[in-house]
Amino acid sequence: MNPSVPVARRAPSLRASLGIGERLFASPADRRFITAVDDGLEVVEHALEEAMHSADTLADTTSRYLLAAGGKRIRPTLTLLIAQLGRGVTDEVVKAAVSIETTHLASLYHDDVMDEAPVRRGVPAAHVTYGNNVAILTGDLLFARASLITADLGVEGIRMQAETFQRLCLGQLHETTGPREGEDAVAHYIQVLSDKTGSLIATAARAGILFSGADRAYLEPVAVFGEKVGVAFQLVDDVIDLAPAGDRTGKIAGNDLRAGVDTLPLLHLRALAASDPDADALLHRIEHDVKGAPDDAVDSAPYQSAVAALRGHEATTATRAIAVRWAEEAVDALTPLPDGTVKKALTRFAESVVDRSR
């Protein structure tokens, strides 16, 4: 068992996370807003390091493993950003952001075991480094830590965290079992994304309202925004999964397909294959050369050719278009929010989700 932990990285800035340019956010109020969120992200990052700490040497090492590997901190960023509608970065807002990111980290330990993912955030996945049992137990430990942090936020915070955890589990369960007989495969897949990804981002958004003392009339709009942005984020991930490995922090192109995950491009291709011979031929290539491919086959011509063909196919173009639509619907949900820097930043947040390439 390798006890090494990746070198810790600084918290990402709001400008880096959202691609905020000087011209778009140039007023003194905008600059104060950016500084407040960036300062809050530093506080959250330090609090996350404390949350990962354990007196047990092994637990301390494994708990910090994925945190130290980096990450975009999208969920804490969203919480701190929306908190500017209220009192800003309060102690309660920081605790909520830390709890939500800890829950997210915990889910990654479990997801990588179930998906047999070899890489996470540019380093070997935790189960590769420590083994399945340790990775699963570390995820359990972090879920417990998140609950302990949330306990300081009262009954409302505990209920929010428990309901979100329930949806995370249901999403993973339904992804594992697949659509029921007669159920629309695409609708099933979108619901899985809503539960597995959208629910936690929606919770991050709601926490920014609840724990900053902002107007609770904004709870539903930001929750809808968060869930739709989460779905858009994951759909873009489906496209990024097909990108050449060099563009994706060491991940293998087509790794989700290789692991047997029916991403939206594949679902679209399968629907087209019923009436399109070329799509049917590509589907057979994916099934034969990509799904379940061993490590020594990922650089082979058949594997790379099949992944590249799907990357350039209309099924993948359609997936990105759907992601854009979900992001646009997320922005539409913000209509009740007051005009200003927060609304402008949330709009940029949604745009950045579909603009990213890794």
Protein backbone atom coordinates (compact mmCIF):
# COMPACT_ATOMS: atom_id res chain seq x y z
CA MET A 1 0.00 0.00 0.00
CA ASN A 2 1.50 3.34 -1.08
CA PRO A 3 0.91 5.93 1.65
CA SER A 4 1.96 8.93 -0.45
CA VAL A 5 -0.37 11.90 -0.89
CA PRO A 6 -0.27 14.31 -3.86
CA VAL A 7 1.17 17.74 -3.11
CA ALA A 8 -1.60 20.07 -1.94
CA ARG A 9 -2.64 22.89 -4.26
CA ARG A 10 -3.95 26.40 -3.58
CA ALA A 11 -7.68 27.01 -3.71
CA PRO A 12 -8.81 28.00 -7.21
CA SER A 13 -9.83 31.62 -7.69
CA LEU A 14 -13.22 32.78 -8.91
CA ARG A 15 -11.60 34.22 -12.04
CA ALA A 16 -9.92 30.89 -12.79
CA SER A 17 -13.04 28.85 -12.05
CA LEU A 18 -15.44 30.92 -14.13
CA GLY A 19 -13.11 32.45 -16.68
CA ILE A 20 -14.14 35.91 -15.53
CA GLY A 21 -12.50 38.62 -17.59
CA GLU A 22 -11.56 42.12 -16.50
CA ARG A 23 -14.00 43.79 -18.90
CA LEU A 24 -17.04 41.83 -17.77
CA PHE A 25 -16.36 42.32 -14.04
CA ALA A 26 -14.59 45.68 -13.97
CA SER A 27 -16.62 47.86 -11.58
CA PRO A 28 -15.51 48.45 -7.97
CA ALA A 29 -18.54 46.44 -6.77
CA ASP A 30 -17.55 43.56 -9.05
CA ARG A 31 -13.99 43.61 -7.75
CA ARG A 32 -15.17 43.62 -4.13
CA PHE A 33 -17.44 40.68 -4.94
CA ILE A 34 -14.58 38.69 -6.52
CA THR A 35 -12.29 39.42 -3.58
CA ALA A 36 -14.94 38.31 -1.07
CA VAL A 37 -15.50 35.00 -2.86
CA ASP A 38 -11.77 34.35 -3.37
CA ASP A 39 -11.04 35.09 0.29
CA GLY A 40 -13.88 32.74 1.20
CA LEU A 41 -12.46 29.99 -1.01
CA GLU A 42 -9.14 30.23 0.87
CA VAL A 43 -11.00 29.85 4.18
CA VAL A 44 -12.92 26.86 2.81
CA GLU A 45 -9.73 25.24 1.54
CA HIS A 46 -8.09 25.47 4.97
CA ALA A 47 -11.27 24.16 6.61
CA LEU A 48 -11.32 21.23 4.18
CA GLU A 49 -7.75 20.35 5.14
CA GLU A 50 -8.82 20.36 8.79
CA ALA A 51 -11.87 18.24 7.99
CA MET A 52 -9.67 15.60 6.33
CA HIS A 53 -7.31 15.40 9.30
CA SER A 54 -7.42 12.33 11.51
CA ALA A 55 -5.36 11.15 14.48
CA ASP A 56 -5.21 7.77 12.74
CA THR A 57 -2.24 7.84 10.34
CA LEU A 58 -3.81 5.69 7.64
CA ALA A 59 -7.16 7.49 7.74
CA ASP A 60 -5.36 10.85 7.67
CA THR A 61 -3.43 9.85 4.56
CA THR A 62 -6.28 8.31 2.60
CA SER A 63 -8.76 11.06 3.52
CA ARG A 64 -6.45 13.78 2.20
CA TYR A 65 -5.57 11.90 -0.99
CA LEU A 66 -8.17 13.30 -3.39
CA LEU A 67 -8.36 16.70 -1.71
CA ALA A 68 -4.64 17.19 -2.27
CA ALA A 69 -5.00 16.12 -5.90
CA GLY A 70 -6.86 19.36 -6.60
CA GLY A 71 -10.27 19.86 -8.16
CA LYS A 72 -12.23 22.87 -9.37
CA ARG A 73 -14.18 23.38 -6.10
CA ILE A 74 -17.27 24.19 -8.14
CA ARG A 75 -19.67 23.49 -5.30
CA PRO A 76 -17.99 25.68 -2.65
CA THR A 77 -17.57 28.41 -5.25
CA LEU A 78 -21.29 28.34 -5.97
CA THR A 79 -22.19 28.44 -2.27
CA LEU A 80 -19.93 31.41 -1.58
CA LEU A 81 -21.04 33.21 -4.73
CA ILE A 82 -24.74 32.93 -3.92
CA ALA A 83 -24.10 33.86 -0.28
CA GLN A 84 -23.30 37.36 -1.55
CA LEU A 85 -27.07 37.82 -1.89
CA GLY A 86 -27.13 37.78 1.91
CA ARG A 87 -24.49 38.46 4.57
CA GLY A 88 -21.71 36.92 2.52
CA VAL A 89 -19.19 34.39 3.80
CA THR A 90 -20.50 33.68 7.29
CA ASP A 91 -19.16 30.87 9.49
CA GLU A 92 -22.30 28.88 8.64
CA VAL A 93 -21.75 29.38 4.90
CA VAL A 94 -18.18 28.10 5.23
CA LYS A 95 -19.32 25.03 7.19
CA ALA A 96 -22.00 24.29 4.60
CA ALA A 97 -19.48 24.64 1.75
CA VAL A 98 -17.02 22.33 3.51
CA SER A 99 -19.71 19.74 4.26
CA ILE A 100 -20.91 19.73 0.65
CA GLU A 101 -17.40 19.43 -0.82
CA THR A 102 -16.56 16.67 1.69
CA THR A 103 -19.70 14.81 0.57
CA HIS A 104 -18.59 15.23 -3.05
CA LEU A 105 -15.11 13.91 -2.26
CA ALA A 106 -16.59 10.94 -0.43
CA SER A 107 -18.73 10.07 -3.46
CA LEU A 108 -15.64 10.08 -5.70
CA TYR A 109 -13.97 7.36 -3.63
CA HIS A 110 -17.05 5.17 -4.05
CA ASP A 111 -17.71 6.03 -7.72
CA ASP A 112 -14.18 5.14 -8.78
CA VAL A 113 -14.43 1.74 -7.12
CA MET A 114 -17.74 0.98 -8.84
CA ASP A 115 -16.57 2.32 -12.21
CA GLU A 116 -13.10 0.76 -11.88
CA ALA A 117 -11.71 4.15 -12.90
CA PRO A 118 -7.89 4.14 -13.08
CA VAL A 119 -7.34 7.91 -12.72
CA ARG A 120 -8.92 10.74 -10.77
CA ARG A 121 -7.71 14.34 -10.96
CA GLY A 122 -4.51 13.34 -12.71
CA VAL A 123 -3.41 10.79 -10.08
CA PRO A 124 -4.15 7.08 -9.68
CA ALA A 125 -7.65 6.62 -8.26
CA ALA A 126 -7.71 5.92 -4.52
CA HIS A 127 -8.70 2.26 -5.00
CA VAL A 128 -5.70 1.79 -7.31
CA THR A 129 -3.36 3.21 -4.66
CA TYR A 130 -4.93 1.77 -1.51
CA GLY A 131 -7.23 -1.04 -2.66
CA ASN A 132 -11.01 -1.24 -2.91
CA ASN A 133 -11.75 -1.84 0.77
CA VAL A 134 -9.71 1.12 2.00
CA ALA A 135 -11.16 3.39 -0.70
CA ILE A 136 -14.73 2.44 0.23
CA LEU A 137 -14.11 2.87 3.95
CA THR A 138 -12.44 6.23 3.33
CA GLY A 139 -15.54 7.34 1.43
CA ASP A 140 -17.70 6.18 4.36
CA LEU A 141 -15.46 8.09 6.77
CA LEU A 142 -15.80 11.29 4.75
CA PHE A 143 -19.58 10.93 4.57
CA ALA A 144 -19.53 10.71 8.39
CA ARG A 145 -17.29 13.79 8.60
CA ALA A 146 -19.70 15.72 6.38
CA SER A 147 -22.57 14.77 8.69
CA LEU A 148 -20.64 15.93 11.76
CA ILE A 149 -19.93 19.29 10.13
CA THR A 150 -23.56 19.66 9.06
CA ALA A 151 -24.76 18.91 12.60
CA ASP A 152 -23.54 22.40 13.58
CA LEU A 153 -25.99 23.90 11.07
CA GLY A 154 -29.12 22.66 12.82
CA VAL A 155 -32.03 20.50 11.76
CA GLU A 156 -32.52 22.29 8.45
CA GLY A 157 -28.92 21.66 7.44
CA ILE A 158 -29.05 18.03 8.56
CA ARG A 159 -32.23 17.39 6.59
CA MET A 160 -30.76 19.04 3.48
CA GLN A 161 -27.62 16.93 3.70
CA ALA A 162 -29.55 13.70 4.33
CA GLU A 163 -31.95 14.30 1.43
CA THR A 164 -29.02 15.01 -0.88
CA PHE A 165 -27.18 11.89 0.25
CA GLN A 166 -30.34 9.89 -0.42
CA ARG A 167 -30.48 11.22 -3.99
CA LEU A 168 -26.79 10.48 -4.54
CA CYS A 169 -27.37 6.87 -3.52
CA LEU A 170 -30.51 6.53 -5.66
CA GLY A 171 -28.67 7.95 -8.65
CA GLN A 172 -25.84 5.46 -8.24
CA LEU A 173 -28.32 2.62 -7.72
CA HIS A 174 -30.26 3.47 -10.88
CA GLU A 175 -27.07 3.90 -12.88
CA THR A 176 -25.96 0.46 -11.71
CA THR A 177 -29.22 -1.32 -12.50
CA GLY A 178 -30.00 0.57 -15.73
CA PRO A 179 -33.42 1.51 -17.13
CA ARG A 180 -36.37 -0.76 -16.44
CA GLU A 181 -38.04 -2.63 -19.27
CA GLY A 182 -39.95 -0.14 -21.40
CA GLU A 183 -38.33 2.89 -19.75
CA ASP A 184 -36.83 5.51 -22.05
CA ALA A 185 -33.05 5.10 -21.80
CA VAL A 186 -32.26 8.78 -22.33
CA ALA A 187 -34.81 9.97 -19.75
CA HIS A 188 -33.43 7.40 -17.31
CA TYR A 189 -29.89 8.63 -17.93
CA ILE A 190 -30.80 12.30 -17.43
CA GLN A 191 -32.52 11.43 -14.14
CA VAL A 192 -29.37 9.62 -13.01
CA LEU A 193 -27.35 12.75 -13.78
CA SER A 194 -29.87 14.90 -11.91
CA ASP A 195 -29.55 12.67 -8.84
CA LYS A 196 -25.81 11.97 -8.93
CA THR A 197 -24.52 15.39 -9.97
CA GLY A 198 -27.37 17.91 -10.09
CA SER A 199 -28.65 17.28 -6.57
CA LEU A 200 -25.38 18.16 -4.83
CA ILE A 201 -24.81 21.28 -6.93
CA ALA A 202 -28.40 22.33 -6.20
CA THR A 203 -27.70 21.83 -2.50
CA ALA A 204 -24.57 23.98 -2.78
CA ALA A 205 -26.70 26.71 -4.32
CA ARG A 206 -29.43 26.46 -1.67
CA ALA A 207 -26.83 26.55 1.11
CA GLY A 208 -25.67 29.94 -0.12
CA ILE A 209 -29.17 31.29 0.55
CA LEU A 210 -29.98 29.40 3.73
CA PHE A 211 -26.81 30.17 5.69
CA SER A 212 -26.19 33.76 4.58
CA GLY A 213 -29.60 35.04 5.63
CA ALA A 214 -30.55 35.88 2.03
CA ASP A 215 -34.17 36.16 0.95
CA ARG A 216 -35.64 32.65 0.97
CA ALA A 217 -37.73 33.52 -2.07
CA TYR A 218 -34.52 32.81 -4.00
CA LEU A 219 -34.21 29.21 -2.74
CA GLU A 220 -36.20 27.59 -5.54
CA PRO A 221 -34.63 29.59 -8.41
CA VAL A 222 -31.07 28.83 -7.31
CA ALA A 223 -31.91 25.16 -6.67
CA VAL A 224 -33.30 24.81 -10.21
CA PHE A 225 -30.24 26.64 -11.51
CA GLY A 226 -27.89 24.30 -9.64
CA GLU A 227 -29.59 21.10 -10.74
CA LYS A 228 -29.71 22.12 -14.39
CA VAL A 229 -26.09 23.30 -14.34
CA GLY A 230 -25.15 19.95 -12.80
CA VAL A 231 -26.79 18.02 -15.63
CA ALA A 232 -25.11 20.28 -18.20
CA PHE A 233 -21.76 19.74 -16.47
CA GLN A 234 -22.07 15.96 -16.65
CA LEU A 235 -23.22 15.99 -20.27
CA VAL A 236 -20.12 18.00 -21.18
CA ASP A 237 -18.12 15.39 -19.26
CA ASP A 238 -19.59 12.77 -21.60
CA VAL A 239 -18.13 14.71 -24.53
CA ILE A 240 -14.81 15.29 -22.75
CA ASP A 241 -14.56 11.54 -22.09
CA LEU A 242 -14.00 11.10 -25.81
CA ALA A 243 -11.23 13.72 -26.01
CA PRO A 244 -7.63 12.64 -26.70
CA ALA A 245 -5.90 11.53 -23.52
CA GLY A 246 -3.31 14.30 -23.65
CA ASP A 247 -6.09 16.88 -23.24
CA ARG A 248 -7.56 15.26 -20.16
CA THR A 249 -5.03 15.14 -17.35
CA GLY A 250 -3.88 11.62 -18.04
CA LYS A 251 -7.29 10.02 -18.44
CA ILE A 252 -7.84 7.46 -21.17
CA ALA A 253 -9.97 8.64 -24.08
CA GLY A 254 -13.27 6.78 -23.96
CA ASN A 255 -12.67 5.50 -20.44
CA ASP A 256 -16.35 5.72 -19.46
CA LEU A 257 -17.30 3.66 -22.51
CA ARG A 258 -14.52 1.23 -21.74
CA ALA A 259 -15.91 0.81 -18.22
CA GLY A 260 -19.34 -0.02 -19.65
CA VAL A 261 -21.00 3.33 -18.88
CA ASP A 262 -23.67 4.17 -21.46
CA THR A 263 -22.99 7.89 -21.85
CA LEU A 264 -25.37 10.10 -23.82
CA PRO A 265 -23.32 9.99 -27.06
CA LEU A 266 -23.57 6.20 -26.97
CA LEU A 267 -27.30 6.30 -26.21
CA HIS A 268 -27.83 8.62 -29.16
CA LEU A 269 -25.70 6.37 -31.38
CA ARG A 270 -27.72 3.34 -30.31
CA ALA A 271 -30.97 5.10 -31.24
CA LEU A 272 -29.59 6.08 -34.64
CA ALA A 273 -28.28 2.56 -35.28
CA ALA A 274 -31.83 1.25 -35.65
CA SER A 275 -32.17 3.02 -39.00
CA ASP A 276 -28.64 4.10 -39.97
CA PRO A 277 -26.22 1.36 -41.18
CA ASP A 278 -23.17 3.57 -40.55
CA ALA A 279 -24.25 4.26 -36.99
CA ASP A 280 -24.93 0.56 -36.50
CA ALA A 281 -21.45 -0.29 -37.78
CA LEU A 282 -19.86 2.24 -35.39
CA LEU A 283 -21.91 0.89 -32.51
CA HIS A 284 -20.56 -2.60 -33.20
CA ARG A 285 -17.01 -1.21 -33.26
CA ILE A 286 -17.55 0.46 -29.89
CA GLU A 287 -18.99 -2.74 -28.43
CA HIS A 288 -16.15 -4.87 -29.83
CA ASP A 289 -13.07 -2.62 -29.58
CA VAL A 290 -13.80 -0.23 -26.69
CA LYS A 291 -16.14 -1.75 -24.10
CA GLY A 292 -14.15 -3.81 -21.64
CA ALA A 293 -10.88 -3.20 -23.49
CA PRO A 294 -7.81 -4.21 -21.42
CA ASP A 295 -5.11 -1.70 -20.56
CA ASP A 296 -2.82 -2.90 -23.32
CA ALA A 297 -5.51 -2.23 -25.96
CA VAL A 298 -6.25 1.44 -25.33
CA ASP A 299 -3.44 2.61 -27.60
CA SER A 300 -4.37 0.21 -30.37
CA ALA A 301 -5.60 1.49 -33.72
CA PRO A 302 -9.06 -0.16 -33.45
CA TYR A 303 -9.68 1.35 -29.99
CA GLN A 304 -8.49 4.83 -30.88
CA SER A 305 -10.26 4.81 -34.23
CA ALA A 306 -13.62 3.83 -32.71
CA VAL A 307 -13.40 6.49 -30.00
CA ALA A 308 -12.37 9.14 -32.55
CA ALA A 309 -15.28 8.17 -34.81
CA LEU A 310 -17.77 8.62 -31.98
CA ARG A 311 -16.10 11.90 -30.99
CA GLY A 312 -16.78 13.29 -34.46
CA HIS A 313 -20.24 11.76 -34.81
CA GLU A 314 -23.53 13.65 -34.76
CA ALA A 315 -24.45 11.71 -31.61
CA THR A 316 -21.73 13.61 -29.76
CA THR A 317 -22.61 16.93 -31.40
CA ALA A 318 -26.19 16.41 -30.22
CA THR A 319 -24.97 15.74 -26.67
CA ARG A 320 -23.11 19.04 -26.50
CA ALA A 321 -26.17 20.83 -27.89
CA ILE A 322 -28.31 19.32 -25.14
CA ALA A 323 -25.76 20.42 -22.54
CA VAL A 324 -25.98 23.97 -23.87
CA ARG A 325 -29.77 23.82 -23.64
CA TRP A 326 -29.65 22.71 -20.00
CA ALA A 327 -27.23 25.53 -19.20
CA GLU A 328 -29.53 28.03 -20.91
CA GLU A 329 -32.48 26.74 -18.88
CA ALA A 330 -30.36 27.15 -15.75
CA VAL A 331 -29.81 30.81 -16.59
CA ASP A 332 -33.51 31.28 -17.31
CA ALA A 333 -34.27 30.04 -13.78
CA LEU A 334 -32.37 33.05 -12.39
CA THR A 335 -34.98 35.54 -13.59
CA PRO A 336 -36.37 36.20 -10.06
CA LEU A 337 -32.92 37.15 -8.73
CA PRO A 338 -32.01 40.84 -8.56
CA ASP A 339 -29.85 42.19 -11.37
CA GLY A 340 -26.27 42.69 -10.30
CA THR A 341 -22.92 41.00 -9.85
CA VAL A 342 -24.28 37.76 -8.38
CA LYS A 343 -26.68 37.18 -11.24
CA LYS A 344 -24.00 38.10 -13.76
CA ALA A 345 -21.51 35.71 -12.13
CA LEU A 346 -24.04 32.86 -12.04
CA THR A 347 -24.73 33.39 -15.73
CA ARG A 348 -20.99 33.19 -16.40
CA PHE A 349 -20.87 30.11 -14.17
CA ALA A 350 -23.35 28.33 -16.45
CA GLU A 351 -21.51 29.46 -19.56
CA SER A 352 -18.19 28.21 -18.22
CA VAL A 353 -19.63 24.74 -17.63
CA VAL A 354 -20.37 24.22 -21.33
CA ASP A 355 -17.30 26.10 -22.54
CA ARG A 356 -14.79 23.85 -20.80
CA SER A 357 -12.71 21.25 -22.59
CA ARG A 358 -11.43 19.28 -19.58
